[in-house]
Amino acid sequence: MAQGAYFNFELIGGAELDKALMMIEDVGTQKNVLKAAMRKALKPVAERARQLVPVDDGDLRDSIVVSPSITKTQRKFAERTGQPTMYVGTAWPTAHLVEFGTGPRQVKVRQKKVLAEGG
């Protein structure tokens, strides 16, 4: 997604989920149920991302996951809320280049001596 781009979504069943969570006494179980619901809700987002990503050998496509964790570098930019959080993305090292592009490049040819074939 391009920097500064946004998307909208409609949350259906949030009030019912909140009410059901409040019926669970154990806070740890509440968080686990919430994370499972979030993971299930984000599966279509991950699947759509896999459909849209350019495919060379499929490694980037196959690395798109729904996960409660992100890489150390991604954590620098993540907002800390203290709430259970789930992410859709990849830890593929060159994913940012595919997502945001690399921009135009200009190759400069330098005149240098070149070794001839055979030494």
N, C-alpha and C. Protein backbone atom coordinates (compact mmCIF):
# COMPACT_ATOMS: atom_id res chain seq x y z
N MET A 1 0.84 -1.17 0.00
CA MET A 1 0.00 0.00 0.00
C MET A 1 0.89 1.23 0.00
N ALA A 2 0.57 2.18 -0.85
CA ALA A 2 1.38 3.38 -0.96
C ALA A 2 1.31 4.19 0.33
N GLN A 3 2.40 4.89 0.61
CA GLN A 3 2.46 5.68 1.83
C GLN A 3 1.37 6.75 1.79
N GLY A 4 0.65 6.89 2.89
CA GLY A 4 -0.41 7.88 2.95
C GLY A 4 -1.75 7.36 2.45
N ALA A 5 -1.80 6.14 1.92
CA ALA A 5 -3.05 5.57 1.44
C ALA A 5 -3.80 4.94 2.61
N TYR A 6 -5.10 4.99 2.53
CA TYR A 6 -5.93 4.44 3.59
C TYR A 6 -6.99 3.54 2.98
N PHE A 7 -7.59 2.73 3.82
CA PHE A 7 -8.71 1.92 3.37
C PHE A 7 -9.76 1.92 4.47
N ASN A 8 -10.99 1.64 4.08
CA ASN A 8 -12.09 1.59 5.02
C ASN A 8 -12.58 0.15 5.15
N PHE A 9 -13.14 -0.17 6.28
CA PHE A 9 -13.75 -1.47 6.46
C PHE A 9 -14.92 -1.33 7.43
N GLU A 10 -15.80 -2.30 7.38
CA GLU A 10 -16.93 -2.31 8.28
C GLU A 10 -16.78 -3.48 9.23
N LEU A 11 -16.84 -3.21 10.51
CA LEU A 11 -16.74 -4.24 11.54
C LEU A 11 -18.15 -4.69 11.89
N ILE A 12 -18.42 -5.95 11.62
CA ILE A 12 -19.73 -6.51 11.92
C ILE A 12 -19.57 -7.51 13.06
N GLY A 13 -20.37 -7.38 14.08
CA GLY A 13 -20.34 -8.33 15.19
C GLY A 13 -19.42 -7.92 16.33
N GLY A 14 -18.91 -6.71 16.29
CA GLY A 14 -18.00 -6.25 17.34
C GLY A 14 -18.67 -6.19 18.70
N ALA A 15 -19.89 -5.69 18.75
CA ALA A 15 -20.60 -5.58 20.02
C ALA A 15 -20.88 -6.97 20.60
N GLU A 16 -21.25 -7.90 19.71
CA GLU A 16 -21.53 -9.27 20.16
C GLU A 16 -20.25 -9.94 20.68
N LEU A 17 -19.13 -9.71 19.99
CA LEU A 17 -17.86 -10.28 20.43
C LEU A 17 -17.47 -9.70 21.78
N ASP A 18 -17.64 -8.39 21.94
CA ASP A 18 -17.30 -7.74 23.21
C ASP A 18 -18.15 -8.31 24.35
N LYS A 19 -19.43 -8.50 24.10
CA LYS A 19 -20.33 -9.06 25.11
C LYS A 19 -19.92 -10.49 25.47
N ALA A 20 -19.58 -11.29 24.45
CA ALA A 20 -19.16 -12.67 24.69
C ALA A 20 -17.85 -12.72 25.47
N LEU A 21 -16.94 -11.82 25.15
CA LEU A 21 -15.66 -11.78 25.87
C LEU A 21 -15.85 -11.43 27.34
N MET A 22 -16.79 -10.55 27.62
CA MET A 22 -17.03 -10.15 29.01
C MET A 22 -17.62 -11.29 29.84
N MET A 23 -18.18 -12.28 29.18
CA MET A 23 -18.73 -13.44 29.89
C MET A 23 -17.63 -14.40 30.33
N ILE A 24 -16.44 -14.25 29.75
CA ILE A 24 -15.30 -15.10 30.11
C ILE A 24 -14.56 -14.42 31.25
N GLU A 25 -14.41 -15.12 32.34
CA GLU A 25 -13.80 -14.52 33.53
C GLU A 25 -12.29 -14.36 33.42
N ASP A 26 -11.62 -15.33 32.85
CA ASP A 26 -10.16 -15.32 32.78
C ASP A 26 -9.68 -14.35 31.69
N VAL A 27 -8.89 -13.36 32.07
CA VAL A 27 -8.40 -12.35 31.12
C VAL A 27 -7.53 -12.98 30.04
N GLY A 28 -6.71 -13.96 30.41
CA GLY A 28 -5.86 -14.63 29.43
C GLY A 28 -6.68 -15.34 28.37
N THR A 29 -7.75 -15.97 28.79
CA THR A 29 -8.64 -16.65 27.84
C THR A 29 -9.34 -15.62 26.96
N GLN A 30 -9.73 -14.48 27.54
CA GLN A 30 -10.35 -13.41 26.76
C GLN A 30 -9.41 -12.99 25.62
N LYS A 31 -8.15 -12.77 25.96
CA LYS A 31 -7.17 -12.33 24.95
C LYS A 31 -6.98 -13.40 23.88
N ASN A 32 -6.93 -14.67 24.28
CA ASN A 32 -6.76 -15.75 23.30
C ASN A 32 -7.95 -15.85 22.36
N VAL A 33 -9.16 -15.69 22.90
CA VAL A 33 -10.37 -15.73 22.06
C VAL A 33 -10.36 -14.54 21.10
N LEU A 34 -9.99 -13.37 21.61
CA LEU A 34 -9.94 -12.18 20.77
C LEU A 34 -8.91 -12.34 19.65
N LYS A 35 -7.73 -12.85 19.98
CA LYS A 35 -6.71 -13.06 18.96
C LYS A 35 -7.17 -14.05 17.90
N ALA A 36 -7.86 -15.11 18.32
CA ALA A 36 -8.37 -16.10 17.36
C ALA A 36 -9.40 -15.46 16.44
N ALA A 37 -10.28 -14.61 17.00
CA ALA A 37 -11.27 -13.91 16.18
C ALA A 37 -10.60 -12.95 15.20
N MET A 38 -9.58 -12.25 15.68
CA MET A 38 -8.86 -11.31 14.82
C MET A 38 -8.15 -12.05 13.69
N ARG A 39 -7.53 -13.17 14.02
CA ARG A 39 -6.81 -13.96 13.01
C ARG A 39 -7.80 -14.44 11.93
N LYS A 40 -8.95 -14.93 12.37
CA LYS A 40 -9.96 -15.41 11.42
C LYS A 40 -10.47 -14.26 10.54
N ALA A 41 -10.71 -13.10 11.16
CA ALA A 41 -11.21 -11.95 10.41
C ALA A 41 -10.20 -11.42 9.39
N LEU A 42 -8.90 -11.58 9.68
CA LEU A 42 -7.87 -11.05 8.79
C LEU A 42 -7.43 -12.03 7.70
N LYS A 43 -7.87 -13.28 7.78
CA LYS A 43 -7.49 -14.25 6.75
C LYS A 43 -7.87 -13.80 5.35
N PRO A 44 -9.07 -13.24 5.12
CA PRO A 44 -9.39 -12.76 3.76
C PRO A 44 -8.48 -11.63 3.30
N VAL A 45 -8.02 -10.80 4.23
CA VAL A 45 -7.10 -9.70 3.89
C VAL A 45 -5.77 -10.29 3.40
N ALA A 46 -5.26 -11.28 4.12
CA ALA A 46 -4.00 -11.93 3.74
C ALA A 46 -4.16 -12.64 2.39
N GLU A 47 -5.29 -13.30 2.21
CA GLU A 47 -5.53 -14.00 0.94
C GLU A 47 -5.58 -13.02 -0.23
N ARG A 48 -6.22 -11.89 -0.03
CA ARG A 48 -6.28 -10.87 -1.10
C ARG A 48 -4.88 -10.31 -1.38
N ALA A 49 -4.09 -10.11 -0.35
CA ALA A 49 -2.71 -9.65 -0.54
C ALA A 49 -1.92 -10.66 -1.36
N ARG A 50 -2.11 -11.95 -1.09
CA ARG A 50 -1.42 -13.00 -1.86
C ARG A 50 -1.86 -13.00 -3.31
N GLN A 51 -3.13 -12.65 -3.57
CA GLN A 51 -3.62 -12.59 -4.94
C GLN A 51 -3.04 -11.40 -5.70
N LEU A 52 -2.78 -10.31 -5.00
CA LEU A 52 -2.35 -9.07 -5.65
C LEU A 52 -0.84 -8.92 -5.79
N VAL A 53 -0.06 -9.64 -4.98
CA VAL A 53 1.39 -9.45 -5.01
C VAL A 53 1.97 -9.99 -6.32
N PRO A 54 2.91 -9.27 -6.93
CA PRO A 54 3.58 -9.80 -8.12
C PRO A 54 4.32 -11.08 -7.77
N VAL A 55 4.27 -12.06 -8.68
CA VAL A 55 4.88 -13.36 -8.39
C VAL A 55 6.02 -13.62 -9.36
N ASP A 56 7.20 -13.87 -8.79
CA ASP A 56 8.35 -14.32 -9.57
C ASP A 56 8.49 -15.81 -9.31
N ASP A 57 8.99 -16.16 -8.14
CA ASP A 57 9.11 -17.57 -7.77
C ASP A 57 8.11 -17.96 -6.68
N GLY A 58 7.33 -16.99 -6.18
CA GLY A 58 6.28 -17.27 -5.21
C GLY A 58 6.69 -17.15 -3.76
N ASP A 59 7.97 -16.88 -3.49
CA ASP A 59 8.44 -16.80 -2.11
C ASP A 59 7.78 -15.64 -1.36
N LEU A 60 7.69 -14.48 -1.99
CA LEU A 60 7.06 -13.33 -1.33
C LEU A 60 5.59 -13.62 -1.09
N ARG A 61 4.91 -14.12 -2.08
CA ARG A 61 3.48 -14.44 -1.94
C ARG A 61 3.26 -15.42 -0.78
N ASP A 62 4.08 -16.45 -0.73
CA ASP A 62 3.92 -17.49 0.29
C ASP A 62 4.31 -17.02 1.69
N SER A 63 5.02 -15.89 1.78
CA SER A 63 5.46 -15.41 3.09
C SER A 63 4.44 -14.48 3.74
N ILE A 64 3.36 -14.14 3.06
CA ILE A 64 2.33 -13.25 3.63
C ILE A 64 1.51 -14.05 4.65
N VAL A 65 1.48 -13.55 5.88
CA VAL A 65 0.81 -14.27 6.97
C VAL A 65 0.02 -13.30 7.85
N VAL A 66 -0.86 -13.87 8.65
CA VAL A 66 -1.53 -13.15 9.74
C VAL A 66 -0.79 -13.56 11.00
N SER A 67 -0.30 -12.58 11.75
CA SER A 67 0.55 -12.90 12.90
C SER A 67 0.40 -11.85 13.99
N PRO A 68 0.55 -12.25 15.25
CA PRO A 68 0.53 -11.27 16.34
C PRO A 68 1.88 -10.57 16.52
N SER A 69 2.88 -10.97 15.75
CA SER A 69 4.20 -10.37 15.93
C SER A 69 4.71 -9.79 14.61
N ILE A 70 5.63 -8.85 14.74
CA ILE A 70 6.26 -8.21 13.60
C ILE A 70 7.77 -8.18 13.84
N THR A 71 8.52 -7.83 12.80
CA THR A 71 9.97 -7.82 12.93
C THR A 71 10.43 -6.64 13.78
N LYS A 72 11.67 -6.69 14.22
CA LYS A 72 12.25 -5.63 15.05
C LYS A 72 12.19 -4.29 14.33
N THR A 73 12.49 -4.28 13.05
CA THR A 73 12.45 -3.04 12.28
C THR A 73 11.02 -2.51 12.19
N GLN A 74 10.05 -3.40 11.95
CA GLN A 74 8.66 -2.97 11.86
C GLN A 74 8.16 -2.43 13.18
N ARG A 75 8.66 -2.95 14.30
CA ARG A 75 8.24 -2.50 15.63
C ARG A 75 8.55 -1.03 15.86
N LYS A 76 9.59 -0.52 15.21
CA LYS A 76 9.95 0.89 15.38
C LYS A 76 8.80 1.81 14.96
N PHE A 77 8.00 1.36 13.99
CA PHE A 77 6.95 2.20 13.43
C PHE A 77 5.56 1.83 13.94
N ALA A 78 5.45 0.77 14.72
CA ALA A 78 4.15 0.31 15.19
C ALA A 78 3.71 1.11 16.41
N GLU A 79 2.43 1.38 16.46
CA GLU A 79 1.85 2.08 17.60
C GLU A 79 1.61 1.07 18.73
N ARG A 80 2.05 1.41 19.91
CA ARG A 80 1.84 0.52 21.06
C ARG A 80 0.55 0.92 21.77
N THR A 81 -0.39 -0.01 21.81
CA THR A 81 -1.68 0.29 22.41
C THR A 81 -1.91 -0.48 23.70
N GLY A 82 -1.15 -1.56 23.90
CA GLY A 82 -1.39 -2.41 25.05
C GLY A 82 -2.52 -3.39 24.83
N GLN A 83 -3.16 -3.30 23.67
CA GLN A 83 -4.27 -4.18 23.32
C GLN A 83 -3.76 -5.33 22.46
N PRO A 84 -4.48 -6.46 22.45
CA PRO A 84 -4.10 -7.53 21.51
C PRO A 84 -4.10 -6.99 20.09
N THR A 85 -3.05 -7.30 19.35
CA THR A 85 -2.88 -6.77 18.01
C THR A 85 -2.53 -7.91 17.07
N MET A 86 -3.02 -7.81 15.84
CA MET A 86 -2.73 -8.81 14.82
C MET A 86 -2.32 -8.06 13.55
N TYR A 87 -1.35 -8.60 12.84
CA TYR A 87 -0.81 -7.96 11.65
C TYR A 87 -0.97 -8.88 10.44
N VAL A 88 -1.13 -8.28 9.27
CA VAL A 88 -1.06 -9.01 8.01
C VAL A 88 0.16 -8.46 7.30
N GLY A 89 1.08 -9.33 6.93
CA GLY A 89 2.27 -8.85 6.26
C GLY A 89 3.28 -9.96 6.07
N THR A 90 4.50 -9.52 5.86
CA THR A 90 5.59 -10.44 5.56
C THR A 90 6.86 -9.93 6.21
N ALA A 91 7.75 -10.83 6.50
CA ALA A 91 9.08 -10.45 6.97
C ALA A 91 10.10 -10.64 5.85
N TRP A 92 9.63 -10.84 4.62
CA TRP A 92 10.52 -11.04 3.48
C TRP A 92 11.41 -9.82 3.34
N PRO A 93 12.73 -9.99 3.23
CA PRO A 93 13.66 -8.86 3.30
C PRO A 93 13.50 -7.81 2.20
N THR A 94 12.96 -8.17 1.06
CA THR A 94 12.83 -7.19 -0.03
C THR A 94 11.38 -6.81 -0.30
N ALA A 95 10.47 -7.15 0.61
CA ALA A 95 9.05 -6.86 0.40
C ALA A 95 8.79 -5.36 0.25
N HIS A 96 9.50 -4.55 1.00
CA HIS A 96 9.29 -3.10 0.91
C HIS A 96 9.62 -2.56 -0.48
N LEU A 97 10.57 -3.18 -1.16
CA LEU A 97 10.92 -2.74 -2.50
C LEU A 97 9.79 -3.03 -3.49
N VAL A 98 9.12 -4.15 -3.30
CA VAL A 98 7.99 -4.50 -4.15
C VAL A 98 6.81 -3.58 -3.82
N GLU A 99 6.56 -3.36 -2.54
CA GLU A 99 5.41 -2.56 -2.12
C GLU A 99 5.53 -1.09 -2.53
N PHE A 100 6.69 -0.50 -2.28
CA PHE A 100 6.85 0.94 -2.50
C PHE A 100 7.64 1.27 -3.76
N GLY A 101 8.24 0.27 -4.41
CA GLY A 101 9.01 0.50 -5.62
C GLY A 101 10.42 0.97 -5.30
N THR A 102 11.23 1.02 -6.33
CA THR A 102 12.62 1.42 -6.14
C THR A 102 12.95 2.73 -6.84
N GLY A 103 12.05 3.23 -7.64
CA GLY A 103 12.29 4.49 -8.33
C GLY A 103 13.19 4.32 -9.54
N PRO A 104 13.27 5.34 -10.35
CA PRO A 104 14.11 5.25 -11.54
C PRO A 104 15.59 5.19 -11.19
N ARG A 105 16.32 4.47 -11.97
CA ARG A 105 17.76 4.34 -11.77
C ARG A 105 18.48 4.76 -13.04
N GLN A 106 19.63 5.39 -12.86
CA GLN A 106 20.43 5.80 -13.99
C GLN A 106 21.78 5.10 -13.88
N VAL A 107 22.16 4.41 -14.94
CA VAL A 107 23.43 3.70 -14.95
C VAL A 107 24.48 4.61 -15.58
N LYS A 108 25.59 4.79 -14.87
CA LYS A 108 26.68 5.61 -15.39
C LYS A 108 27.79 4.69 -15.87
N VAL A 109 28.17 4.86 -17.11
CA VAL A 109 29.23 4.04 -17.68
C VAL A 109 30.54 4.79 -17.50
N ARG A 110 31.52 4.12 -16.93
CA ARG A 110 32.83 4.72 -16.72
C ARG A 110 33.81 4.10 -17.69
N GLN A 111 34.67 4.91 -18.20
CA GLN A 111 35.70 4.42 -19.10
C GLN A 111 36.86 3.89 -18.27
N LYS A 112 37.02 2.60 -18.24
CA LYS A 112 38.12 2.00 -17.50
C LYS A 112 38.73 0.90 -18.34
N LYS A 113 39.97 0.57 -17.99
CA LYS A 113 40.61 -0.52 -18.66
C LYS A 113 39.93 -1.83 -18.24
N VAL A 114 39.74 -2.70 -19.19
CA VAL A 114 39.08 -3.97 -18.92
C VAL A 114 40.08 -5.06 -19.24
N LEU A 115 40.15 -6.06 -18.40
CA LEU A 115 41.02 -7.19 -18.68
C LEU A 115 40.51 -7.92 -19.91
N ALA A 116 41.41 -8.22 -20.77
CA ALA A 116 41.04 -8.97 -21.97
C ALA A 116 40.84 -10.43 -21.60
N GLU A 117 40.01 -11.09 -22.36
CA GLU A 117 39.77 -12.51 -22.11
C GLU A 117 41.05 -13.28 -22.32
N GLY A 118 41.34 -14.15 -21.39
CA GLY A 118 42.56 -14.96 -21.50
C GLY A 118 43.78 -14.30 -20.87
N GLY A 119 43.59 -13.15 -20.21
CA GLY A 119 44.63 -12.61 -19.39
C GLY A 119 45.42 -11.53 -19.89
